[in-house]
């Protein structure tokens, strides 16, 4: 493996690690901008997405949306195959 191939492999690996570490912060609408500013101030915008929801009622939730989507897909596939998830 050449140095360039090795570097490309490393880039692919770390890209996957960053993608896997992405999370969504869900907060009350009144805190959306302050939390967004805090995330950006710490240069974490590539890892955290901030969304508002009135359901939060003064609490913050950190969610792994990719894991949730994968779980829902798996459950849907199980139902289509006639099995319980």
N, C-alpha and C. Protein backbone atom coordinates (compact mmCIF):
# COMPACT_ATOMS: atom_id res chain seq x y z
N UNK A 1 0.85 -1.17 0.00
CA UNK A 1 0.00 0.00 0.00
C UNK A 1 0.90 1.24 0.00
N UNK A 2 0.64 2.15 -0.92
CA UNK A 2 1.46 3.36 -1.00
C UNK A 2 1.05 4.34 0.10
N UNK A 3 1.88 5.36 0.29
CA UNK A 3 1.57 6.38 1.30
C UNK A 3 0.25 7.07 0.99
N UNK A 4 0.00 7.36 -0.27
CA UNK A 4 -1.26 8.02 -0.66
C UNK A 4 -2.45 7.12 -0.35
N UNK A 5 -2.35 5.84 -0.67
CA UNK A 5 -3.42 4.90 -0.38
C UNK A 5 -3.66 4.80 1.13
N UNK A 6 -2.58 4.79 1.88
CA UNK A 6 -2.68 4.72 3.34
C UNK A 6 -3.37 5.97 3.88
N UNK A 7 -3.01 7.14 3.35
CA UNK A 7 -3.62 8.39 3.80
C UNK A 7 -5.11 8.41 3.43
N UNK A 8 -5.46 7.93 2.25
CA UNK A 8 -6.87 7.88 1.84
C UNK A 8 -7.67 6.93 2.73
N UNK A 9 -7.06 5.83 3.11
CA UNK A 9 -7.71 4.89 4.02
C UNK A 9 -7.95 5.56 5.37
N UNK A 10 -6.94 6.28 5.87
CA UNK A 10 -7.08 6.99 7.14
C UNK A 10 -8.18 8.04 7.07
N UNK A 11 -8.22 8.78 5.98
CA UNK A 11 -9.25 9.82 5.81
C UNK A 11 -10.63 9.18 5.81
N UNK A 12 -10.78 8.07 5.11
CA UNK A 12 -12.06 7.37 5.08
C UNK A 12 -12.46 6.88 6.47
N UNK A 13 -11.49 6.36 7.21
CA UNK A 13 -11.77 5.87 8.56
C UNK A 13 -12.23 7.00 9.46
N UNK A 14 -11.49 8.10 9.48
CA UNK A 14 -11.84 9.21 10.37
C UNK A 14 -13.12 9.90 9.92
N UNK A 15 -13.40 9.90 8.65
CA UNK A 15 -14.67 10.43 8.16
C UNK A 15 -15.82 9.60 8.72
N UNK A 16 -15.66 8.30 8.73
CA UNK A 16 -16.68 7.40 9.29
C UNK A 16 -16.84 7.64 10.79
N UNK A 17 -15.73 7.81 11.51
CA UNK A 17 -15.79 8.05 12.95
C UNK A 17 -16.56 9.34 13.24
N UNK A 18 -16.27 10.40 12.48
CA UNK A 18 -16.96 11.67 12.68
C UNK A 18 -18.44 11.51 12.36
N UNK A 19 -18.75 10.84 11.27
CA UNK A 19 -20.14 10.62 10.91
C UNK A 19 -20.90 9.83 11.97
N UNK A 20 -20.24 8.84 12.54
CA UNK A 20 -20.87 8.02 13.57
C UNK A 20 -21.07 8.77 14.87
N UNK A 21 -20.28 9.82 15.09
CA UNK A 21 -20.37 10.55 16.35
C UNK A 21 -21.36 11.71 16.29
N UNK A 22 -21.97 11.96 15.13
CA UNK A 22 -22.90 13.08 15.00
C UNK A 22 -24.13 12.85 15.88
N UNK A 23 -24.54 13.92 16.52
CA UNK A 23 -25.70 13.89 17.40
C UNK A 23 -26.57 15.11 17.16
N UNK A 24 -27.81 15.02 17.58
CA UNK A 24 -28.74 16.14 17.48
C UNK A 24 -29.14 16.55 18.89
N UNK A 25 -29.02 17.83 19.17
CA UNK A 25 -29.47 18.38 20.44
C UNK A 25 -30.86 18.96 20.21
N UNK A 26 -31.82 18.49 20.98
CA UNK A 26 -33.18 19.00 20.87
C UNK A 26 -33.45 19.81 22.14
N UNK A 27 -33.89 21.05 21.93
CA UNK A 27 -34.08 21.96 23.05
C UNK A 27 -35.37 22.76 22.90
N UNK A 28 -35.79 23.46 23.96
CA UNK A 28 -36.96 24.32 23.83
C UNK A 28 -36.67 25.45 22.83
N UNK A 29 -37.68 25.94 22.14
CA UNK A 29 -37.47 27.01 21.16
C UNK A 29 -36.76 28.24 21.74
N UNK A 30 -37.02 28.54 22.99
CA UNK A 30 -36.40 29.72 23.60
C UNK A 30 -34.88 29.58 23.77
N UNK A 31 -34.38 28.36 23.75
CA UNK A 31 -32.94 28.13 23.92
C UNK A 31 -32.22 27.81 22.62
N UNK A 32 -32.95 27.78 21.51
CA UNK A 32 -32.35 27.38 20.23
C UNK A 32 -31.11 28.21 19.88
N UNK A 33 -31.24 29.50 19.82
CA UNK A 33 -30.11 30.35 19.42
C UNK A 33 -28.95 30.32 20.41
N UNK A 34 -29.20 30.44 21.74
CA UNK A 34 -28.06 30.36 22.68
C UNK A 34 -27.29 29.05 22.58
N UNK A 35 -28.01 27.94 22.42
CA UNK A 35 -27.33 26.64 22.33
C UNK A 35 -26.59 26.53 21.01
N UNK A 36 -27.20 26.98 19.93
CA UNK A 36 -26.54 26.98 18.63
C UNK A 36 -25.24 27.79 18.69
N UNK A 37 -25.31 28.97 19.30
CA UNK A 37 -24.13 29.83 19.43
C UNK A 37 -23.05 29.14 20.27
N UNK A 38 -23.45 28.46 21.33
CA UNK A 38 -22.49 27.74 22.17
C UNK A 38 -21.81 26.62 21.40
N UNK A 39 -22.58 25.87 20.64
CA UNK A 39 -22.02 24.79 19.82
C UNK A 39 -21.01 25.36 18.82
N UNK A 40 -21.38 26.44 18.14
CA UNK A 40 -20.48 27.06 17.16
C UNK A 40 -19.24 27.66 17.83
N UNK A 41 -19.42 28.27 19.00
CA UNK A 41 -18.28 28.88 19.72
C UNK A 41 -17.23 27.83 20.07
N UNK A 42 -17.66 26.61 20.30
CA UNK A 42 -16.74 25.52 20.63
C UNK A 42 -16.37 24.70 19.39
N UNK A 43 -16.74 25.21 18.21
CA UNK A 43 -16.41 24.56 16.92
C UNK A 43 -16.90 23.12 16.85
N UNK A 44 -18.11 22.90 17.34
CA UNK A 44 -18.70 21.56 17.34
C UNK A 44 -19.86 21.43 16.37
N UNK A 45 -20.00 22.42 15.48
CA UNK A 45 -21.09 22.42 14.52
C UNK A 45 -21.09 21.22 13.58
N UNK A 46 -19.93 20.62 13.35
CA UNK A 46 -19.85 19.45 12.49
C UNK A 46 -20.32 18.18 13.17
N UNK A 47 -20.41 18.23 14.49
CA UNK A 47 -20.82 17.05 15.26
C UNK A 47 -22.25 17.18 15.78
N UNK A 48 -22.60 18.38 16.23
CA UNK A 48 -23.93 18.59 16.81
C UNK A 48 -24.81 19.44 15.90
N UNK A 49 -26.04 18.99 15.71
CA UNK A 49 -27.08 19.76 15.05
C UNK A 49 -28.05 20.15 16.16
N UNK A 50 -28.50 21.39 16.15
CA UNK A 50 -29.41 21.86 17.21
C UNK A 50 -30.79 22.10 16.59
N UNK A 51 -31.80 21.51 17.21
CA UNK A 51 -33.19 21.67 16.74
C UNK A 51 -34.07 22.03 17.92
N UNK A 52 -35.12 22.77 17.63
CA UNK A 52 -36.05 23.18 18.68
C UNK A 52 -37.31 22.32 18.64
N UNK A 53 -37.86 22.08 19.84
CA UNK A 53 -39.13 21.37 19.95
C UNK A 53 -39.84 21.85 21.22
N UNK A 54 -41.11 22.21 21.09
CA UNK A 54 -41.86 22.64 22.28
C UNK A 54 -42.09 21.51 23.28
N UNK A 55 -41.85 20.30 22.88
CA UNK A 55 -42.05 19.13 23.75
C UNK A 55 -40.98 19.06 24.85
N UNK A 56 -39.85 19.70 24.65
CA UNK A 56 -38.72 19.58 25.58
C UNK A 56 -39.01 20.13 26.97
N UNK A 57 -39.85 21.15 27.07
CA UNK A 57 -40.27 21.68 28.36
C UNK A 57 -39.10 21.97 29.31
N UNK A 58 -38.14 22.74 28.84
CA UNK A 58 -37.02 23.16 29.68
C UNK A 58 -35.88 22.16 29.78
N UNK A 59 -35.94 21.08 29.03
CA UNK A 59 -34.89 20.06 29.07
C UNK A 59 -34.20 19.99 27.72
N UNK A 60 -32.98 19.48 27.75
CA UNK A 60 -32.23 19.22 26.52
C UNK A 60 -32.16 17.71 26.31
N UNK A 61 -32.29 17.30 25.07
CA UNK A 61 -32.14 15.89 24.72
C UNK A 61 -31.05 15.79 23.66
N UNK A 62 -30.16 14.83 23.82
CA UNK A 62 -29.14 14.57 22.82
C UNK A 62 -29.48 13.22 22.20
N UNK A 63 -29.68 13.24 20.88
CA UNK A 63 -30.21 12.08 20.18
C UNK A 63 -29.25 11.65 19.07
N UNK A 64 -29.10 10.36 18.92
CA UNK A 64 -28.35 9.79 17.80
C UNK A 64 -29.37 9.44 16.73
N UNK A 65 -29.63 10.38 15.82
CA UNK A 65 -30.67 10.18 14.80
C UNK A 65 -30.36 9.02 13.87
N UNK A 66 -29.08 8.82 13.55
CA UNK A 66 -28.71 7.72 12.65
C UNK A 66 -29.06 6.37 13.28
N UNK A 67 -28.82 6.23 14.57
CA UNK A 67 -29.14 4.97 15.26
C UNK A 67 -30.65 4.78 15.32
N UNK A 68 -31.38 5.86 15.56
CA UNK A 68 -32.85 5.76 15.59
C UNK A 68 -33.39 5.34 14.23
N UNK A 69 -32.88 5.95 13.17
CA UNK A 69 -33.33 5.60 11.82
C UNK A 69 -33.03 4.14 11.50
N UNK A 70 -31.84 3.67 11.90
CA UNK A 70 -31.48 2.28 11.65
C UNK A 70 -32.40 1.33 12.41
N UNK A 71 -32.75 1.69 13.64
CA UNK A 71 -33.64 0.87 14.45
C UNK A 71 -35.04 0.82 13.83
N UNK A 72 -35.53 1.97 13.37
CA UNK A 72 -36.85 2.00 12.73
C UNK A 72 -36.85 1.18 11.44
N UNK A 73 -35.78 1.29 10.65
CA UNK A 73 -35.69 0.50 9.41
C UNK A 73 -35.71 -0.99 9.72
N UNK A 74 -34.94 -1.38 10.73
CA UNK A 74 -34.87 -2.79 11.10
C UNK A 74 -36.24 -3.28 11.58
N UNK A 75 -36.94 -2.47 12.38
CA UNK A 75 -38.27 -2.86 12.86
C UNK A 75 -39.26 -2.97 11.70
N UNK A 76 -39.19 -2.03 10.77
CA UNK A 76 -40.09 -2.07 9.60
C UNK A 76 -39.82 -3.31 8.76
N UNK A 77 -38.56 -3.64 8.56
CA UNK A 77 -38.22 -4.83 7.78
C UNK A 77 -38.71 -6.09 8.48
N UNK A 78 -38.58 -6.13 9.80
CA UNK A 78 -39.07 -7.29 10.55
C UNK A 78 -40.58 -7.44 10.41
N UNK A 79 -41.30 -6.32 10.48
CA UNK A 79 -42.76 -6.37 10.33
C UNK A 79 -43.15 -6.83 8.93
N UNK A 80 -42.41 -6.38 7.92
CA UNK A 80 -42.71 -6.79 6.55
C UNK A 80 -42.46 -8.29 6.36
N UNK A 81 -41.54 -8.83 7.09
CA UNK A 81 -41.23 -10.26 7.00
C UNK A 81 -42.15 -11.09 7.88
N UNK A 82 -43.04 -10.39 8.63
CA UNK A 82 -43.98 -11.11 9.48
C UNK A 82 -43.44 -11.49 10.83
N UNK A 83 -42.33 -10.86 11.23
CA UNK A 83 -41.77 -11.14 12.55
C UNK A 83 -41.96 -9.93 13.43
N UNK A 84 -41.97 -10.17 14.71
CA UNK A 84 -42.04 -9.07 15.65
C UNK A 84 -40.65 -8.48 15.79
N UNK A 85 -40.54 -7.13 15.93
CA UNK A 85 -39.21 -6.50 16.07
C UNK A 85 -38.54 -6.88 17.38
